[in-house]
Amino acid sequence: MSRGALSADPAQRDAAAELDRVLRDLLAPKPKRLFGLFEKPAEAIRGLYLYGEVGRGKTMLMNLFFAAVPFKEKRRVHFHEFMDEVHAGIAAFRKAARGKDEDADPVEAVVKPILRSGLRLLCLDEFHVHDITNAMLLDRLFGKLFAGGVTLVATSNVTPDGLYKDGLNRQLFLPFIALLKEKTVVASLPSEQDYRRLKFAGQQVYAFGSGAEVKAQMDKMWLRITGGEQGVPGVVESIGREIPVPLTAMGAARFNFTDLCEKPLGTRDFVRIAHAFDSVVLDGVKQMDRTRSDAAKRFILLIDSLYDRGVKLAASFEVPLEQLGADDKTAFEFQRTLSRLNEMQSEEYLTKGLRDTAPAEA
């Protein structure tokens, strides 16, 4: 691209060709059936399972692919967020009267509304399986989704055969691996370059003060992170609510301090943000004195969530870090936050990939 958002990469080009194939198949005209009699459910187009090390551009390619799909019956979501919704749906069904029937099928109950919505394409980012609860559920869940015509495009850090490796009763998980290989083309992204690291190499990620000079510094940092893309508004889904994102581009998000710390957000919301983006730009972090005790608590939770995930943070602060907190109620927790903020601007932190963590339950 002329703005420099993308650079030539043979591995990414091969992966993009596979995504083009999925898009063509999704848009191909369907053969008509005589008189429309005895219609069968639409068959799922063979999707794509794209794996590779962190920072190689898997999420970027998925986002570009998702944006190019012209129909509305599509969804892009983090794998763990999707599974959280499935488990919440199963729990709600079991509590309902119909869920107490011995023949009741909670998986069927969760899948039905998904298929009824007309979903054709499901894009799942960071597909990985660590716990036995998900491992034992996936074969039946995706068997029903595929049978209902849903096409899967997924990114992961591991091959299908590496999913749930050494897990308890893994032999029961093997049918799902076979199903995944049948319903998707498995492709690697062996790029030698870690693009996430390049964004922050040698950069001062924090700015202090206010005014036009600081804003210009943050604008410059934002464009470096996004490869010249200005960004567009977006949302992060957090089970039952949508968190507005003022700007999002190329796996990064830009917020103002007030957007996150002076709104009624909590741990689950911040964890969702940390799993939705690999980089966050935060403008105008205020001094959190006694009049901003609630904002200080949210800021602590936000930094904890970004740090635990390994998200890269660029931020502007109205005052030096050591002057940020002046509230007795949060003094102890704030010391940990300051320590993490100092670490998050270090070369060591900035050159590490994202940590493989699952969104915490609320």
Protein backbone atom coordinates (compact mmCIF):
# COMPACT_ATOMS: atom_id res chain seq x y z
CA MET A 1 0.00 0.00 0.00
CA SER A 2 1.18 3.54 -0.79
CA ARG A 3 0.75 4.71 2.81
CA GLY A 4 3.12 2.01 4.00
CA ALA A 5 0.53 0.11 6.02
CA LEU A 6 1.57 -3.12 4.31
CA SER A 7 4.88 -4.32 2.97
CA ALA A 8 5.64 -7.22 0.66
CA ASP A 9 5.84 -10.57 2.43
CA PRO A 10 5.75 -13.84 0.42
CA ALA A 11 4.32 -15.85 3.34
CA GLN A 12 1.50 -13.37 3.86
CA ARG A 13 0.83 -13.34 0.12
CA ASP A 14 0.33 -17.12 0.13
CA ALA A 15 -2.01 -16.88 3.11
CA ALA A 16 -3.93 -14.07 1.41
CA ALA A 17 -4.39 -16.32 -1.63
CA GLU A 18 -6.07 -18.93 0.57
CA LEU A 19 -8.35 -16.25 2.03
CA ASP A 20 -9.18 -15.14 -1.52
CA ARG A 21 -10.16 -18.73 -2.26
CA VAL A 22 -12.52 -18.80 0.74
CA LEU A 23 -14.06 -15.49 -0.33
CA ARG A 24 -14.58 -16.69 -3.91
CA ASP A 25 -16.23 -19.87 -2.71
CA LEU A 26 -18.49 -17.97 -0.33
CA LEU A 27 -19.61 -15.66 -3.13
CA ALA A 28 -19.97 -18.34 -5.81
CA PRO A 29 -23.57 -18.78 -7.01
CA LYS A 30 -25.32 -21.78 -5.52
CA PRO A 31 -26.83 -24.37 -7.87
CA LYS A 32 -30.61 -24.16 -8.00
CA ARG A 33 -32.68 -27.17 -7.04
CA LEU A 34 -35.60 -28.24 -9.19
CA PHE A 35 -38.82 -26.65 -7.87
CA GLY A 36 -36.96 -25.97 -4.60
CA LEU A 37 -38.12 -29.34 -3.30
CA PHE A 38 -36.38 -31.26 -0.53
CA GLU A 39 -33.88 -28.51 0.16
CA LYS A 40 -30.93 -29.56 2.26
CA PRO A 41 -29.13 -27.18 4.61
CA ALA A 42 -26.43 -25.20 2.85
CA GLU A 43 -23.07 -26.93 2.98
CA ALA A 44 -20.23 -25.08 4.66
CA ILE A 45 -17.55 -23.79 2.36
CA ARG A 46 -14.17 -25.22 3.30
CA GLY A 47 -12.59 -22.58 5.50
CA LEU A 48 -9.06 -21.81 6.61
CA TYR A 49 -7.02 -22.54 9.73
CA LEU A 50 -4.02 -20.20 9.63
CA TYR A 51 -1.25 -20.78 12.15
CA GLY A 52 2.13 -19.24 12.88
CA GLU A 53 4.17 -17.48 15.54
CA VAL A 54 2.98 -14.25 17.15
CA GLY A 55 3.41 -11.00 15.26
CA ARG A 56 3.47 -12.52 11.78
CA GLY A 57 0.29 -10.84 10.54
CA LYS A 58 -2.38 -13.52 11.02
CA THR A 59 -4.86 -11.21 12.73
CA MET A 60 -4.21 -8.42 10.23
CA LEU A 61 -4.95 -10.76 7.32
CA MET A 62 -8.11 -12.01 9.01
CA ASN A 63 -9.29 -8.44 9.61
CA LEU A 64 -8.67 -7.49 5.97
CA PHE A 65 -10.49 -10.63 4.82
CA PHE A 66 -13.42 -10.01 7.15
CA ALA A 67 -13.77 -6.41 5.96
CA ALA A 68 -13.80 -7.62 2.34
CA VAL A 69 -16.69 -10.05 2.87
CA PRO A 70 -19.69 -8.14 1.48
CA PHE A 71 -22.55 -9.88 3.29
CA LYS A 72 -23.80 -9.22 6.84
CA GLU A 73 -24.15 -12.84 7.96
CA LYS A 74 -20.62 -12.93 9.34
CA ARG A 75 -18.94 -12.59 12.71
CA ARG A 76 -15.36 -12.01 13.86
CA VAL A 77 -14.61 -12.70 17.53
CA HIS A 78 -11.82 -13.91 19.78
CA PHE A 79 -11.98 -17.68 20.29
CA HIS A 80 -12.22 -17.50 24.08
CA GLU A 81 -14.92 -14.85 23.93
CA PHE A 82 -16.95 -17.07 21.61
CA MET A 83 -16.53 -20.03 23.94
CA ASP A 84 -17.52 -17.89 26.93
CA GLU A 85 -20.77 -17.11 25.14
CA VAL A 86 -21.34 -20.79 24.39
CA HIS A 87 -20.81 -21.76 28.03
CA ALA A 88 -23.09 -18.93 29.19
CA GLY A 89 -25.78 -20.16 26.78
CA ILE A 90 -25.44 -23.73 28.00
CA ALA A 91 -25.68 -22.62 31.64
CA ALA A 92 -28.80 -20.55 30.92
CA PHE A 93 -30.42 -23.44 29.06
CA ARG A 94 -29.79 -25.87 31.92
CA LYS A 95 -31.43 -23.47 34.37
CA ALA A 96 -34.51 -23.15 32.18
CA ALA A 97 -37.43 -25.58 32.48
CA ARG A 98 -36.80 -27.13 29.06
CA GLY A 99 -33.18 -27.74 30.00
CA LYS A 100 -34.20 -30.11 32.82
CA ASP A 101 -35.58 -32.68 30.40
CA GLU A 102 -33.38 -35.80 30.27
CA ASP A 103 -33.33 -35.66 26.48
CA ALA A 104 -32.46 -31.96 26.35
CA ASP A 105 -29.38 -31.12 24.31
CA PRO A 106 -27.72 -27.89 25.54
CA VAL A 107 -25.31 -27.77 22.58
CA GLU A 108 -28.21 -27.96 20.14
CA ALA A 109 -29.96 -25.22 22.12
CA VAL A 110 -26.93 -22.93 21.76
CA VAL A 111 -26.34 -23.66 18.08
CA LYS A 112 -29.96 -23.21 16.95
CA PRO A 113 -30.15 -19.42 17.41
CA ILE A 114 -26.75 -19.05 15.74
CA LEU A 115 -27.97 -20.91 12.66
CA ARG A 116 -31.34 -19.18 12.81
CA SER A 117 -29.53 -15.83 12.54
CA GLY A 118 -28.27 -16.95 9.14
CA LEU A 119 -24.59 -16.88 10.09
CA ARG A 120 -22.46 -18.00 7.15
CA LEU A 121 -18.95 -17.06 8.21
CA LEU A 122 -17.34 -17.32 11.65
CA CYS A 123 -13.86 -15.82 12.07
CA LEU A 124 -12.17 -16.88 15.30
CA ASP A 125 -8.92 -15.23 16.33
CA GLU A 126 -6.33 -17.02 18.50
CA PHE A 127 -7.82 -20.48 18.43
CA HIS A 128 -6.24 -22.52 21.21
CA VAL A 129 -7.50 -25.10 23.66
CA HIS A 130 -6.13 -25.56 27.15
CA ASP A 131 -8.97 -26.69 29.39
CA ILE A 132 -10.87 -29.95 29.28
CA THR A 133 -14.27 -28.20 29.33
CA ASN A 134 -13.71 -26.69 25.90
CA ALA A 135 -11.85 -29.73 24.62
CA MET A 136 -14.81 -32.05 25.27
CA LEU A 137 -17.31 -29.62 23.76
CA LEU A 138 -15.70 -28.58 20.48
CA ASP A 139 -16.41 -31.67 18.36
CA ARG A 140 -20.18 -31.57 18.93
CA LEU A 141 -20.35 -27.77 18.80
CA PHE A 142 -18.52 -27.37 15.50
CA GLY A 143 -20.02 -30.51 14.06
CA LYS A 144 -23.42 -28.83 14.35
CA LEU A 145 -22.13 -25.46 13.09
CA PHE A 146 -20.51 -27.03 10.03
CA ALA A 147 -23.62 -29.12 9.37
CA GLY A 148 -25.63 -25.90 9.47
CA GLY A 149 -23.52 -24.30 6.75
CA VAL A 150 -21.17 -22.14 8.83
CA THR A 151 -17.70 -21.63 7.35
CA LEU A 152 -14.79 -21.24 9.76
CA VAL A 153 -11.72 -19.06 9.34
CA ALA A 154 -9.41 -19.26 12.34
CA THR A 155 -5.97 -18.05 13.40
CA SER A 156 -3.77 -19.84 15.89
CA ASN A 157 -0.21 -20.06 17.16
CA VAL A 158 -0.22 -23.87 16.84
CA THR A 159 -1.12 -26.51 14.28
CA PRO A 160 -4.38 -28.43 14.76
CA ASP A 161 -2.32 -31.38 16.00
CA GLY A 162 -0.80 -29.09 18.64
CA LEU A 163 -4.17 -28.13 20.13
CA TYR A 164 -4.77 -29.41 23.68
CA LYS A 165 -1.37 -31.06 23.58
CA ASP A 166 -0.79 -33.35 26.59
CA GLY A 167 -4.29 -32.50 27.82
CA LEU A 168 -6.32 -34.78 30.06
CA ASN A 169 -8.14 -37.50 28.07
CA ARG A 170 -6.75 -36.01 24.86
CA GLN A 171 -7.81 -39.09 22.88
CA LEU A 172 -11.40 -37.84 23.24
CA PHE A 173 -10.34 -34.58 21.56
CA LEU A 174 -8.82 -36.21 18.48
CA PRO A 175 -12.13 -36.44 16.54
CA PHE A 176 -12.36 -32.66 16.64
CA ILE A 177 -8.86 -32.32 15.19
CA ALA A 178 -9.91 -34.62 12.34
CA LEU A 179 -13.08 -32.56 11.82
CA LEU A 180 -11.08 -29.32 11.78
CA LYS A 181 -8.72 -30.69 9.14
CA GLU A 182 -11.69 -31.86 7.05
CA LYS A 183 -13.59 -28.57 7.16
CA THR A 184 -10.66 -26.15 6.79
CA VAL A 185 -7.49 -25.88 4.76
CA VAL A 186 -4.61 -25.83 7.25
CA ALA A 187 -1.99 -23.27 6.24
CA SER A 188 1.11 -21.95 7.97
CA LEU A 189 2.38 -18.38 8.02
CA PRO A 190 6.15 -18.87 8.33
CA SER A 191 7.09 -15.20 8.04
CA GLU A 192 10.54 -14.45 9.42
CA GLN A 193 9.58 -10.94 10.47
CA ASP A 194 7.77 -10.08 13.73
CA TYR A 195 5.86 -6.99 12.68
CA ARG A 196 4.63 -6.18 16.17
CA ARG A 197 8.19 -5.69 17.35
CA LEU A 198 9.05 -3.39 14.46
CA LYS A 199 6.29 -0.98 15.44
CA PHE A 200 7.94 -0.14 18.75
CA ALA A 201 11.63 -0.64 18.04
CA GLY A 202 13.60 2.26 19.51
CA GLN A 203 10.47 4.29 20.31
CA GLN A 204 9.67 6.46 23.31
CA VAL A 205 6.15 5.21 23.98
CA TYR A 206 5.21 7.67 26.73
CA ALA A 207 4.72 11.43 26.47
CA PHE A 208 4.19 13.84 29.35
CA GLY A 209 2.27 17.10 29.53
CA SER A 210 -0.58 18.44 27.44
CA GLY A 211 -1.13 20.64 24.44
CA ALA A 212 -0.45 20.49 20.73
CA GLU A 213 3.11 19.14 20.99
CA VAL A 214 2.10 16.10 23.04
CA LYS A 215 -0.90 15.44 20.78
CA ALA A 216 1.35 15.61 17.72
CA GLN A 217 3.74 13.13 19.36
CA MET A 218 0.90 10.68 20.02
CA ASP A 219 -0.50 11.16 16.52
CA LYS A 220 2.91 10.28 15.11
CA MET A 221 3.13 7.21 17.32
CA TRP A 222 -0.36 6.10 16.26
CA LEU A 223 0.52 6.33 12.57
CA ARG A 224 3.73 4.37 13.15
CA ILE A 225 1.81 1.59 14.90
CA THR A 226 -0.86 1.45 12.19
CA GLY A 227 1.51 1.81 9.25
CA GLY A 228 -0.02 5.13 8.23
CA GLU A 229 -3.68 4.16 8.62
CA GLN A 230 -5.78 6.87 10.30
CA GLY A 231 -8.22 4.29 11.65
CA VAL A 232 -11.99 4.09 11.97
CA PRO A 233 -14.38 3.79 14.93
CA GLY A 234 -15.13 0.28 16.15
CA VAL A 235 -16.54 -1.69 19.06
CA VAL A 236 -15.42 -4.46 21.36
CA GLU A 237 -18.09 -6.97 22.33
CA SER A 238 -18.15 -7.88 26.01
CA ILE A 239 -21.05 -10.28 26.57
CA GLY A 240 -24.18 -8.17 26.62
CA ARG A 241 -22.57 -4.82 25.84
CA GLU A 242 -20.54 -3.01 23.22
CA ILE A 243 -17.54 -0.91 24.21
CA PRO A 244 -16.99 1.94 21.71
CA VAL A 245 -13.47 2.23 20.30
CA PRO A 246 -12.82 5.76 18.96
CA LEU A 247 -10.16 4.57 16.51
CA THR A 248 -9.00 1.13 15.43
CA ALA A 249 -6.60 0.07 12.68
CA MET A 250 -4.19 -2.79 11.95
CA GLY A 251 -4.74 -4.54 15.28
CA ALA A 252 -4.37 -1.34 17.32
CA ALA A 253 -6.88 0.80 19.21
CA ARG A 254 -6.79 4.42 20.35
CA PHE A 255 -8.72 5.64 23.38
CA ASN A 256 -8.86 8.70 25.59
CA PHE A 257 -8.43 8.20 29.33
CA THR A 258 -12.05 9.27 29.84
CA ASP A 259 -13.27 6.57 27.39
CA LEU A 260 -12.00 3.79 29.62
CA CYS A 261 -11.48 5.07 33.14
CA GLU A 262 -14.37 7.47 33.58
CA LYS A 263 -17.01 5.13 32.17
CA PRO A 264 -18.70 2.19 33.99
CA LEU A 265 -16.28 -0.49 32.77
CA GLY A 266 -14.84 -3.41 34.73
CA THR A 267 -12.31 -6.21 34.63
CA ARG A 268 -14.11 -8.29 31.99
CA ASP A 269 -14.30 -5.26 29.69
CA PHE A 270 -10.61 -4.48 30.00
CA VAL A 271 -9.68 -8.12 29.42
CA ARG A 272 -11.80 -8.09 26.24
CA ILE A 273 -9.93 -5.02 25.03
CA ALA A 274 -6.60 -6.67 25.83
CA HIS A 275 -7.58 -9.68 23.70
CA ALA A 276 -9.00 -7.61 20.86
CA PHE A 277 -5.84 -5.58 20.15
CA ASP A 278 -2.10 -6.09 20.25
CA SER A 279 -1.41 -2.36 20.76
CA VAL A 280 -3.27 0.41 22.59
CA VAL A 281 -2.71 4.16 22.44
CA LEU A 282 -4.12 5.97 25.45
CA ASP A 283 -4.38 9.76 25.38
CA GLY A 284 -4.63 12.19 28.29
CA VAL A 285 -4.07 10.04 31.39
CA LYS A 286 -5.03 12.36 34.24
CA GLN A 287 -3.61 12.68 37.71
CA MET A 288 -5.77 10.45 39.90
CA ASP A 289 -6.23 12.26 43.19
CA ARG A 290 -8.99 11.72 45.74
CA THR A 291 -11.58 13.18 43.39
CA ARG A 292 -10.84 10.44 40.87
CA SER A 293 -10.78 7.36 43.07
CA ASP A 294 -13.06 5.34 40.75
CA ALA A 295 -10.99 6.32 37.72
CA ALA A 296 -7.83 5.21 39.56
CA LYS A 297 -9.36 1.79 40.26
CA ARG A 298 -10.30 1.34 36.62
CA PHE A 299 -6.88 2.50 35.47
CA ILE A 300 -5.27 -0.13 37.72
CA LEU A 301 -7.51 -2.84 36.24
CA LEU A 302 -6.80 -1.62 32.71
CA ILE A 303 -3.03 -1.70 33.12
CA ASP A 304 -3.21 -5.12 34.82
CA SER A 305 -5.19 -6.50 31.87
CA LEU A 306 -2.88 -5.04 29.22
CA TYR A 307 0.23 -6.15 31.10
CA ASP A 308 -0.98 -9.71 31.72
CA ARG A 309 -1.71 -10.11 28.02
CA GLY A 310 1.52 -8.42 26.87
CA VAL A 311 -0.31 -5.68 24.94
CA LYS A 312 1.92 -2.79 23.90
CA LEU A 313 0.93 0.58 25.36
CA ALA A 314 1.70 4.06 24.09
CA ALA A 315 0.28 6.79 26.32
CA SER A 316 0.35 10.48 27.16
CA PHE A 317 0.23 11.52 30.80
CA GLU A 318 -0.65 14.94 32.19
CA VAL A 319 1.96 14.50 34.95
CA PRO A 320 5.08 12.35 35.49
CA LEU A 321 4.39 8.71 36.43
CA GLU A 322 5.40 9.18 40.07
CA GLN A 323 2.74 11.91 40.41
CA LEU A 324 -0.12 9.97 38.83
CA GLY A 325 -1.69 8.56 42.00
CA ALA A 326 -2.48 10.52 45.14
CA ASP A 327 -5.35 8.54 46.63
CA ASP A 328 -4.89 6.70 49.92
CA LYS A 329 -7.56 4.15 48.96
CA THR A 330 -5.59 2.86 45.98
CA ALA A 331 -2.03 3.73 47.06
CA PHE A 332 -0.83 0.13 47.46
CA GLU A 333 -2.31 -1.13 44.18
CA PHE A 334 -1.03 1.96 42.39
CA GLN A 335 2.55 1.14 43.29
CA ARG A 336 2.19 -2.11 41.35
CA THR A 337 0.66 -0.19 38.46
CA LEU A 338 3.59 2.25 38.37
CA SER A 339 6.02 -0.65 38.39
CA ARG A 340 4.19 -2.22 35.46
CA LEU A 341 4.03 1.06 33.56
CA ASN A 342 7.79 1.40 33.90
CA GLU A 343 8.31 -2.14 32.66
CA MET A 344 5.88 -1.65 29.77
CA GLN A 345 8.09 1.06 28.27
CA SER A 346 11.20 -1.12 28.43
CA GLU A 347 12.82 -2.62 25.35
CA GLU A 348 12.47 -6.09 26.86
CA TYR A 349 8.69 -5.77 27.23
CA LEU A 350 8.23 -4.11 23.85
CA THR A 351 10.07 -6.87 22.00
CA LYS A 352 8.08 -9.72 23.52
CA GLY A 353 5.04 -11.25 21.88
CA LEU A 354 1.55 -11.45 23.31
CA ARG A 355 1.06 -13.83 26.22
CA ASP A 356 -1.19 -16.83 25.70
CA THR A 357 -3.89 -16.12 28.27
CA ALA A 358 -7.63 -16.71 28.27
CA PRO A 359 -10.13 -13.96 29.12
CA ALA A 360 -10.99 -14.13 32.82
CA GLU A 361 -14.52 -14.74 33.99
CA ALA A 362 -16.28 -11.86 35.62
